[in-house]
Amino acid sequence: MAVTFSAHGLGAPLMLAVATLWPVTAGAAGDAQAGREKARSCAACHGIDGAAKLPHVPNIGGESPIYLEKQLKAFRSGARKDPNMDIVAQGLSDEDIADLVAWYASIEFTVTLPE
């Protein structure tokens, strides 16, 4: 059984409920195509498709834009720590974050559940 997920696949009521808990500012205005170009620097670890290339790196393709924005801003501010992401996130503007969020959140992926 294959299940396809996308960042836009949640029902409107759930998205509305989540949006009231975490207002999205930068992620809502991002440009996915600009994010794709910017994601080239993320590809070594996260892949251009959001599928991690290293075992300790999370898959971020199709992830919630709210989550992606929150985590990138947390790395940038120092609230969340990772030796690689601390360096990468320091150079990200709000526009960069919005574009990266738009790109990675727009990716759809398929999961096959075991029988």
N, C-alpha and C. Protein backbone atom coordinates (compact mmCIF):
# COMPACT_ATOMS: atom_id res chain seq x y z
N MET A 1 0.85 -1.18 0.00
CA MET A 1 0.00 0.00 0.00
C MET A 1 0.89 1.24 0.00
N ALA A 2 0.75 2.07 -0.99
CA ALA A 2 1.54 3.29 -1.08
C ALA A 2 0.70 4.47 -0.63
N VAL A 3 1.31 5.34 0.12
CA VAL A 3 0.65 6.54 0.61
C VAL A 3 1.48 7.73 0.15
N THR A 4 0.85 8.70 -0.49
CA THR A 4 1.58 9.88 -0.94
C THR A 4 1.30 11.02 0.03
N PHE A 5 2.37 11.69 0.42
CA PHE A 5 2.27 12.81 1.34
C PHE A 5 2.71 14.07 0.63
N SER A 6 2.15 15.17 1.01
CA SER A 6 2.65 16.45 0.53
C SER A 6 2.41 17.46 1.63
N ALA A 7 3.14 18.55 1.55
CA ALA A 7 2.96 19.59 2.55
C ALA A 7 1.57 20.19 2.49
N HIS A 8 0.92 20.03 1.34
CA HIS A 8 -0.41 20.60 1.16
C HIS A 8 -1.51 19.56 1.34
N GLY A 9 -1.14 18.33 1.77
CA GLY A 9 -2.08 17.24 1.83
C GLY A 9 -2.94 17.20 3.09
N LEU A 10 -2.65 18.03 4.08
CA LEU A 10 -3.46 18.04 5.29
C LEU A 10 -4.78 18.74 5.02
N GLY A 11 -5.78 18.33 5.73
CA GLY A 11 -7.08 18.96 5.58
C GLY A 11 -7.06 20.40 6.04
N ALA A 12 -7.89 21.21 5.44
CA ALA A 12 -7.95 22.63 5.77
C ALA A 12 -8.19 22.90 7.25
N PRO A 13 -9.09 22.15 7.92
CA PRO A 13 -9.30 22.42 9.34
C PRO A 13 -8.04 22.19 10.18
N LEU A 14 -7.29 21.14 9.87
CA LEU A 14 -6.07 20.88 10.63
C LEU A 14 -5.04 21.97 10.37
N MET A 15 -4.89 22.38 9.12
CA MET A 15 -3.94 23.44 8.79
C MET A 15 -4.32 24.75 9.49
N LEU A 16 -5.60 25.04 9.54
CA LEU A 16 -6.05 26.25 10.21
C LEU A 16 -5.73 26.18 11.70
N ALA A 17 -5.97 25.04 12.31
CA ALA A 17 -5.68 24.87 13.73
C ALA A 17 -4.20 25.03 14.02
N VAL A 18 -3.36 24.44 13.19
CA VAL A 18 -1.91 24.54 13.39
C VAL A 18 -1.45 25.97 13.16
N ALA A 19 -1.98 26.62 12.13
CA ALA A 19 -1.57 27.98 11.82
C ALA A 19 -1.87 28.94 12.96
N THR A 20 -2.91 28.69 13.72
CA THR A 20 -3.22 29.57 14.83
C THR A 20 -2.24 29.37 15.98
N LEU A 21 -1.64 28.19 16.05
CA LEU A 21 -0.65 27.92 17.11
C LEU A 21 0.71 28.50 16.75
N TRP A 22 1.10 28.41 15.49
CA TRP A 22 2.39 28.89 15.02
C TRP A 22 2.20 29.72 13.78
N PRO A 23 2.12 31.01 13.91
CA PRO A 23 1.94 31.82 12.72
C PRO A 23 3.17 31.73 11.82
N VAL A 24 2.94 31.50 10.55
CA VAL A 24 4.03 31.41 9.59
C VAL A 24 4.17 32.76 8.92
N THR A 25 5.36 33.30 8.99
CA THR A 25 5.59 34.60 8.35
C THR A 25 6.40 34.41 7.09
N ALA A 26 7.66 34.04 7.22
CA ALA A 26 8.54 33.93 6.06
C ALA A 26 8.10 32.81 5.14
N GLY A 27 7.71 31.65 5.68
CA GLY A 27 7.36 30.50 4.86
C GLY A 27 6.22 30.76 3.92
N ALA A 28 5.30 31.61 4.30
CA ALA A 28 4.13 31.86 3.47
C ALA A 28 4.49 32.63 2.21
N ALA A 29 5.58 33.39 2.23
CA ALA A 29 5.91 34.26 1.11
C ALA A 29 7.06 33.73 0.26
N GLY A 30 7.53 32.53 0.53
CA GLY A 30 8.71 32.03 -0.16
C GLY A 30 8.48 31.69 -1.62
N ASP A 31 9.56 31.68 -2.37
CA ASP A 31 9.57 31.34 -3.78
C ASP A 31 10.24 29.97 -3.93
N ALA A 32 9.46 28.94 -4.27
CA ALA A 32 9.99 27.58 -4.34
C ALA A 32 11.11 27.44 -5.36
N GLN A 33 11.01 28.11 -6.50
CA GLN A 33 12.08 27.99 -7.50
C GLN A 33 13.37 28.65 -7.03
N ALA A 34 13.26 29.77 -6.35
CA ALA A 34 14.45 30.39 -5.76
C ALA A 34 15.01 29.48 -4.67
N GLY A 35 14.11 28.85 -3.93
CA GLY A 35 14.53 27.90 -2.89
C GLY A 35 15.26 26.72 -3.46
N ARG A 36 14.82 26.25 -4.63
CA ARG A 36 15.51 25.12 -5.28
C ARG A 36 16.96 25.49 -5.58
N GLU A 37 17.17 26.68 -6.08
CA GLU A 37 18.54 27.15 -6.36
C GLU A 37 19.35 27.26 -5.08
N LYS A 38 18.75 27.81 -4.04
CA LYS A 38 19.44 27.98 -2.76
C LYS A 38 19.71 26.64 -2.09
N ALA A 39 18.87 25.65 -2.37
CA ALA A 39 19.01 24.33 -1.75
C ALA A 39 20.22 23.56 -2.27
N ARG A 40 20.86 24.06 -3.31
CA ARG A 40 22.08 23.39 -3.79
C ARG A 40 23.11 23.27 -2.67
N SER A 41 23.17 24.27 -1.80
CA SER A 41 24.13 24.20 -0.69
C SER A 41 23.66 23.25 0.41
N CYS A 42 22.39 22.86 0.38
CA CYS A 42 21.84 21.92 1.37
C CYS A 42 21.93 20.47 0.87
N ALA A 43 22.13 20.32 -0.44
CA ALA A 43 22.01 19.02 -1.09
C ALA A 43 23.01 17.98 -0.59
N ALA A 44 24.20 18.39 -0.19
CA ALA A 44 25.20 17.43 0.25
C ALA A 44 24.70 16.60 1.44
N CYS A 45 23.92 17.21 2.29
CA CYS A 45 23.40 16.50 3.47
C CYS A 45 21.93 16.11 3.31
N HIS A 46 21.10 17.07 2.88
CA HIS A 46 19.65 16.84 2.82
C HIS A 46 19.16 16.41 1.44
N GLY A 47 20.02 16.50 0.43
CA GLY A 47 19.60 16.19 -0.93
C GLY A 47 18.75 17.31 -1.49
N ILE A 48 18.78 17.50 -2.79
CA ILE A 48 17.94 18.51 -3.42
C ILE A 48 16.47 18.11 -3.29
N ASP A 49 16.23 16.80 -3.12
CA ASP A 49 14.88 16.27 -2.98
C ASP A 49 14.42 16.15 -1.52
N GLY A 50 15.28 16.55 -0.60
CA GLY A 50 14.93 16.49 0.81
C GLY A 50 15.15 15.14 1.46
N ALA A 51 15.68 14.17 0.69
CA ALA A 51 15.98 12.84 1.24
C ALA A 51 17.43 12.86 1.73
N ALA A 52 17.61 12.69 3.03
CA ALA A 52 18.93 12.79 3.65
C ALA A 52 19.95 11.87 3.00
N LYS A 53 21.17 12.36 2.89
CA LYS A 53 22.27 11.59 2.31
C LYS A 53 23.16 10.98 3.38
N LEU A 54 22.98 11.39 4.62
CA LEU A 54 23.78 10.92 5.73
C LEU A 54 22.85 10.35 6.81
N PRO A 55 23.29 9.33 7.54
CA PRO A 55 22.38 8.68 8.50
C PRO A 55 21.94 9.56 9.67
N HIS A 56 22.69 10.58 10.02
CA HIS A 56 22.33 11.43 11.17
C HIS A 56 21.59 12.70 10.75
N VAL A 57 21.26 12.81 9.47
CA VAL A 57 20.60 14.01 8.94
C VAL A 57 19.13 13.69 8.67
N PRO A 58 18.22 14.58 9.07
CA PRO A 58 16.79 14.30 8.84
C PRO A 58 16.37 14.50 7.39
N ASN A 59 15.35 13.74 6.99
CA ASN A 59 14.68 13.95 5.71
C ASN A 59 13.78 15.16 5.89
N ILE A 60 13.87 16.12 4.98
CA ILE A 60 13.05 17.32 5.13
C ILE A 60 12.12 17.58 3.95
N GLY A 61 12.21 16.78 2.91
CA GLY A 61 11.31 16.93 1.76
C GLY A 61 9.87 16.65 2.17
N GLY A 62 8.96 17.55 1.81
CA GLY A 62 7.55 17.38 2.13
C GLY A 62 7.21 17.68 3.58
N GLU A 63 8.17 18.16 4.33
CA GLU A 63 7.95 18.50 5.75
C GLU A 63 7.07 19.74 5.85
N SER A 64 6.43 19.90 6.97
CA SER A 64 5.57 21.05 7.23
C SER A 64 6.36 22.35 7.11
N PRO A 65 5.81 23.34 6.39
CA PRO A 65 6.50 24.63 6.31
C PRO A 65 6.66 25.28 7.67
N ILE A 66 5.72 25.06 8.54
CA ILE A 66 5.81 25.62 9.90
C ILE A 66 7.02 25.04 10.61
N TYR A 67 7.19 23.74 10.53
CA TYR A 67 8.32 23.07 11.17
C TYR A 67 9.65 23.53 10.56
N LEU A 68 9.72 23.54 9.23
CA LEU A 68 10.96 23.93 8.57
C LEU A 68 11.39 25.35 8.95
N GLU A 69 10.45 26.27 8.89
CA GLU A 69 10.76 27.66 9.24
C GLU A 69 11.21 27.77 10.70
N LYS A 70 10.49 27.12 11.58
CA LYS A 70 10.82 27.19 13.01
C LYS A 70 12.23 26.65 13.27
N GLN A 71 12.57 25.53 12.65
CA GLN A 71 13.88 24.93 12.89
C GLN A 71 15.01 25.76 12.30
N LEU A 72 14.84 26.26 11.09
CA LEU A 72 15.89 27.10 10.50
C LEU A 72 16.13 28.36 11.32
N LYS A 73 15.05 28.97 11.79
CA LYS A 73 15.21 30.17 12.62
C LYS A 73 15.83 29.83 13.98
N ALA A 74 15.51 28.65 14.50
CA ALA A 74 16.11 28.23 15.77
C ALA A 74 17.62 28.00 15.61
N PHE A 75 18.04 27.39 14.50
CA PHE A 75 19.47 27.23 14.25
C PHE A 75 20.14 28.59 14.08
N ARG A 76 19.48 29.48 13.34
CA ARG A 76 20.07 30.80 13.10
C ARG A 76 20.24 31.59 14.39
N SER A 77 19.27 31.49 15.29
CA SER A 77 19.34 32.26 16.55
C SER A 77 20.21 31.60 17.60
N GLY A 78 20.53 30.31 17.41
CA GLY A 78 21.32 29.58 18.40
C GLY A 78 20.46 28.83 19.40
N ALA A 79 19.13 28.94 19.27
CA ALA A 79 18.22 28.22 20.18
C ALA A 79 18.31 26.71 19.97
N ARG A 80 18.65 26.29 18.76
CA ARG A 80 18.88 24.88 18.46
C ARG A 80 20.31 24.76 17.96
N LYS A 81 20.99 23.70 18.37
CA LYS A 81 22.41 23.54 18.07
C LYS A 81 22.69 22.32 17.20
N ASP A 82 23.56 22.50 16.24
CA ASP A 82 24.13 21.43 15.43
C ASP A 82 25.38 22.03 14.80
N PRO A 83 26.51 21.34 14.86
CA PRO A 83 27.75 21.93 14.36
C PRO A 83 27.67 22.41 12.91
N ASN A 84 27.02 21.67 12.05
CA ASN A 84 26.91 22.07 10.65
C ASN A 84 25.83 23.11 10.43
N MET A 85 24.66 22.88 10.99
CA MET A 85 23.54 23.80 10.77
C MET A 85 23.78 25.16 11.43
N ASP A 86 24.51 25.19 12.52
CA ASP A 86 24.82 26.47 13.16
C ASP A 86 25.54 27.39 12.18
N ILE A 87 26.49 26.82 11.45
CA ILE A 87 27.27 27.60 10.48
C ILE A 87 26.40 27.99 9.29
N VAL A 88 25.67 27.03 8.73
CA VAL A 88 24.84 27.28 7.55
C VAL A 88 23.76 28.31 7.84
N ALA A 89 23.06 28.14 8.94
CA ALA A 89 21.90 28.99 9.24
C ALA A 89 22.29 30.43 9.54
N GLN A 90 23.49 30.65 10.05
CA GLN A 90 23.91 32.02 10.37
C GLN A 90 23.85 32.94 9.16
N GLY A 91 24.10 32.40 7.98
CA GLY A 91 24.12 33.21 6.78
C GLY A 91 22.78 33.33 6.07
N LEU A 92 21.72 32.77 6.65
CA LEU A 92 20.41 32.80 5.99
C LEU A 92 19.61 34.05 6.38
N SER A 93 19.12 34.74 5.37
CA SER A 93 18.21 35.86 5.62
C SER A 93 16.80 35.30 5.78
N ASP A 94 15.87 36.14 6.19
CA ASP A 94 14.47 35.71 6.26
C ASP A 94 13.97 35.28 4.88
N GLU A 95 14.41 35.98 3.82
CA GLU A 95 14.00 35.61 2.47
C GLU A 95 14.58 34.25 2.08
N ASP A 96 15.84 33.99 2.44
CA ASP A 96 16.44 32.69 2.16
C ASP A 96 15.65 31.58 2.83
N ILE A 97 15.32 31.79 4.09
CA ILE A 97 14.56 30.79 4.85
C ILE A 97 13.20 30.57 4.19
N ALA A 98 12.52 31.64 3.82
CA ALA A 98 11.21 31.52 3.17
C ALA A 98 11.31 30.73 1.88
N ASP A 99 12.34 31.00 1.09
CA ASP A 99 12.51 30.30 -0.18
C ASP A 99 12.84 28.83 0.04
N LEU A 100 13.74 28.53 0.96
CA LEU A 100 14.09 27.13 1.26
C LEU A 100 12.88 26.37 1.79
N VAL A 101 12.12 27.01 2.66
CA VAL A 101 10.90 26.40 3.20
C VAL A 101 9.92 26.11 2.06
N ALA A 102 9.73 27.07 1.18
CA ALA A 102 8.80 26.88 0.06
C ALA A 102 9.25 25.71 -0.81
N TRP A 103 10.55 25.58 -1.06
CA TRP A 103 11.05 24.49 -1.89
C TRP A 103 10.85 23.14 -1.21
N TYR A 104 11.42 22.98 -0.02
CA TYR A 104 11.37 21.66 0.62
C TYR A 104 9.95 21.25 1.01
N ALA A 105 9.10 22.21 1.40
CA ALA A 105 7.72 21.88 1.75
C ALA A 105 6.89 21.48 0.52
N SER A 106 7.30 21.94 -0.66
CA SER A 106 6.53 21.63 -1.87
C SER A 106 6.82 20.24 -2.43
N ILE A 107 7.83 19.57 -1.92
CA ILE A 107 8.19 18.25 -2.42
C ILE A 107 7.19 17.22 -1.92
N GLU A 108 6.76 16.36 -2.82
CA GLU A 108 5.87 15.26 -2.47
C GLU A 108 6.69 13.98 -2.42
N PHE A 109 6.34 13.08 -1.51
CA PHE A 109 7.02 11.81 -1.43
C PHE A 109 6.02 10.71 -1.16
N THR A 110 6.41 9.48 -1.46
CA THR A 110 5.54 8.33 -1.30
C THR A 110 6.14 7.38 -0.27
N VAL A 111 5.30 6.87 0.58
CA VAL A 111 5.70 5.91 1.60
C VAL A 111 4.94 4.61 1.33
N THR A 112 5.65 3.50 1.37
CA THR A 112 5.02 2.21 1.19
C THR A 112 5.02 1.49 2.54
N LEU A 113 3.84 1.25 3.06
CA LEU A 113 3.70 0.56 4.34
C LEU A 113 3.90 -0.94 4.16
N PRO A 114 4.52 -1.60 5.13
CA PRO A 114 4.67 -3.05 5.01
C PRO A 114 3.31 -3.73 5.07
N GLU A 115 3.20 -4.85 4.41
CA GLU A 115 1.95 -5.60 4.39
C GLU A 115 1.71 -6.28 5.71
